[in-house]
């Protein structure tokens, strides 16, 4: 069983959770870097493919 299933719900708990702001800037930067790496890798392989068959 998960902690969620065992947790007790308190009357003001939902309002408190909505007030907490979680910064996702690090996640966004990581995803952008990973996407850029994948795009660059694909582009380099595609250029290599064209140079071999051109």
N, C-alpha and C. Protein backbone atom coordinates (compact mmCIF):
# COMPACT_ATOMS: atom_id res chain seq x y z
N UNK A 1 0.83 -1.18 0.00
CA UNK A 1 0.00 0.00 0.00
C UNK A 1 0.88 1.25 0.00
N UNK A 2 0.41 2.26 -0.66
CA UNK A 2 1.20 3.48 -0.75
C UNK A 2 0.92 4.40 0.43
N UNK A 3 1.78 5.39 0.59
CA UNK A 3 1.58 6.39 1.65
C UNK A 3 0.29 7.17 1.43
N UNK A 4 -0.06 7.36 0.14
CA UNK A 4 -1.27 8.13 -0.17
C UNK A 4 -2.51 7.44 0.39
N UNK A 5 -2.54 6.13 0.28
CA UNK A 5 -3.70 5.38 0.75
C UNK A 5 -3.79 5.40 2.28
N UNK A 6 -2.65 5.52 2.96
CA UNK A 6 -2.63 5.51 4.42
C UNK A 6 -2.73 6.90 5.03
N UNK A 7 -2.56 7.94 4.20
CA UNK A 7 -2.56 9.29 4.76
C UNK A 7 -3.96 9.70 5.18
N UNK A 8 -4.00 10.50 6.22
CA UNK A 8 -5.28 11.02 6.69
C UNK A 8 -5.54 12.36 6.03
N UNK A 9 -6.76 12.58 5.62
CA UNK A 9 -7.13 13.84 4.98
C UNK A 9 -7.57 14.82 6.05
N UNK A 10 -6.96 15.97 6.07
CA UNK A 10 -7.32 17.03 7.01
C UNK A 10 -8.11 18.09 6.27
N UNK A 11 -9.06 18.73 6.93
CA UNK A 11 -9.94 19.69 6.24
C UNK A 11 -9.22 20.79 5.46
N UNK A 12 -8.15 21.36 5.98
CA UNK A 12 -7.47 22.45 5.30
C UNK A 12 -6.29 22.01 4.45
N UNK A 13 -6.13 20.71 4.28
CA UNK A 13 -4.94 20.18 3.61
C UNK A 13 -4.90 20.55 2.13
N UNK A 14 -6.01 20.49 1.43
CA UNK A 14 -6.02 20.78 -0.01
C UNK A 14 -5.63 22.23 -0.27
N UNK A 15 -6.12 23.15 0.54
CA UNK A 15 -5.79 24.57 0.37
C UNK A 15 -4.30 24.80 0.61
N UNK A 16 -3.72 24.12 1.58
CA UNK A 16 -2.29 24.26 1.86
C UNK A 16 -1.45 23.75 0.70
N UNK A 17 -1.86 22.64 0.10
CA UNK A 17 -1.11 22.08 -1.02
C UNK A 17 -1.15 23.00 -2.24
N UNK A 18 -2.25 23.70 -2.45
CA UNK A 18 -2.37 24.59 -3.60
C UNK A 18 -1.49 25.82 -3.43
N UNK A 19 -1.18 26.22 -2.22
CA UNK A 19 -0.37 27.42 -1.98
C UNK A 19 1.11 27.16 -2.19
N UNK A 20 1.54 25.92 -2.06
CA UNK A 20 2.97 25.60 -2.20
C UNK A 20 3.34 25.63 -3.68
N UNK A 21 4.34 26.44 -4.02
CA UNK A 21 4.82 26.53 -5.39
C UNK A 21 6.09 25.70 -5.53
N UNK A 22 6.11 24.82 -6.50
CA UNK A 22 7.29 23.99 -6.75
C UNK A 22 7.98 24.55 -7.99
N UNK A 23 9.26 24.84 -7.86
CA UNK A 23 10.02 25.36 -8.99
C UNK A 23 10.43 24.21 -9.91
N UNK A 24 10.03 24.31 -11.16
CA UNK A 24 10.36 23.28 -12.14
C UNK A 24 11.37 23.80 -13.16
N UNK A 25 12.08 24.87 -12.81
CA UNK A 25 13.05 25.45 -13.74
C UNK A 25 14.16 24.44 -14.06
N UNK A 26 14.65 23.73 -13.05
CA UNK A 26 15.70 22.74 -13.28
C UNK A 26 15.23 21.61 -14.17
N UNK A 27 13.98 21.19 -13.99
CA UNK A 27 13.41 20.14 -14.83
C UNK A 27 13.29 20.63 -16.27
N UNK A 28 12.82 21.86 -16.43
CA UNK A 28 12.67 22.43 -17.77
C UNK A 28 14.02 22.50 -18.49
N UNK A 29 15.05 22.98 -17.79
CA UNK A 29 16.38 23.09 -18.39
C UNK A 29 16.90 21.70 -18.76
N UNK A 30 16.70 20.73 -17.89
CA UNK A 30 17.16 19.37 -18.17
C UNK A 30 16.48 18.79 -19.40
N UNK A 31 15.18 18.99 -19.51
CA UNK A 31 14.43 18.48 -20.66
C UNK A 31 14.88 19.19 -21.94
N UNK A 32 15.12 20.49 -21.86
CA UNK A 32 15.58 21.23 -23.05
C UNK A 32 16.97 20.77 -23.48
N UNK A 33 17.86 20.54 -22.52
CA UNK A 33 19.19 20.06 -22.86
C UNK A 33 19.13 18.67 -23.48
N UNK A 34 18.32 17.80 -22.92
CA UNK A 34 18.18 16.46 -23.47
C UNK A 34 17.59 16.50 -24.87
N UNK A 35 16.57 17.34 -25.07
CA UNK A 35 15.96 17.48 -26.39
C UNK A 35 16.95 18.06 -27.39
N UNK A 36 17.73 19.04 -26.98
CA UNK A 36 18.74 19.61 -27.86
C UNK A 36 19.80 18.59 -28.25
N UNK A 37 20.22 17.79 -27.28
CA UNK A 37 21.19 16.73 -27.55
C UNK A 37 20.64 15.73 -28.55
N UNK A 38 19.40 15.32 -28.36
CA UNK A 38 18.78 14.35 -29.28
C UNK A 38 18.63 14.94 -30.68
N UNK A 39 18.20 16.19 -30.77
CA UNK A 39 18.05 16.84 -32.08
C UNK A 39 19.40 16.99 -32.78
N UNK A 40 20.42 17.40 -32.04
CA UNK A 40 21.75 17.55 -32.62
C UNK A 40 22.31 16.20 -33.09
N UNK A 41 22.12 15.17 -32.27
CA UNK A 41 22.59 13.84 -32.64
C UNK A 41 21.89 13.35 -33.91
N UNK A 42 20.55 13.53 -33.97
CA UNK A 42 19.80 13.11 -35.14
C UNK A 42 20.29 13.87 -36.38
N UNK A 43 20.51 15.18 -36.23
CA UNK A 43 20.97 16.00 -37.36
C UNK A 43 22.34 15.55 -37.85
N UNK A 44 23.25 15.28 -36.93
CA UNK A 44 24.59 14.83 -37.32
C UNK A 44 24.54 13.47 -38.02
N UNK A 45 23.72 12.56 -37.54
CA UNK A 45 23.60 11.25 -38.18
C UNK A 45 22.96 11.40 -39.56
N UNK A 46 21.98 12.29 -39.68
CA UNK A 46 21.33 12.53 -40.97
C UNK A 46 22.33 13.12 -41.97
N UNK A 47 23.14 14.06 -41.54
CA UNK A 47 24.18 14.64 -42.42
C UNK A 47 25.18 13.56 -42.82
N UNK A 48 25.55 12.71 -41.91
CA UNK A 48 26.45 11.60 -42.24
C UNK A 48 25.82 10.66 -43.25
N UNK A 49 24.54 10.38 -43.10
CA UNK A 49 23.82 9.54 -44.04
C UNK A 49 23.80 10.16 -45.44
N UNK A 50 23.52 11.48 -45.49
CA UNK A 50 23.49 12.14 -46.80
C UNK A 50 24.87 12.16 -47.46
N UNK A 51 25.92 12.34 -46.66
CA UNK A 51 27.25 12.39 -47.24
C UNK A 51 27.70 11.01 -47.76
N UNK A 52 27.22 9.95 -47.17
CA UNK A 52 27.57 8.60 -47.63
C UNK A 52 26.80 8.21 -48.88
N UNK A 53 25.60 8.71 -49.06
CA UNK A 53 24.75 8.31 -50.17
C UNK A 53 24.59 9.41 -51.21
N UNK A 54 25.36 10.47 -51.12
CA UNK A 54 25.15 11.59 -52.03
C UNK A 54 26.08 11.68 -53.15
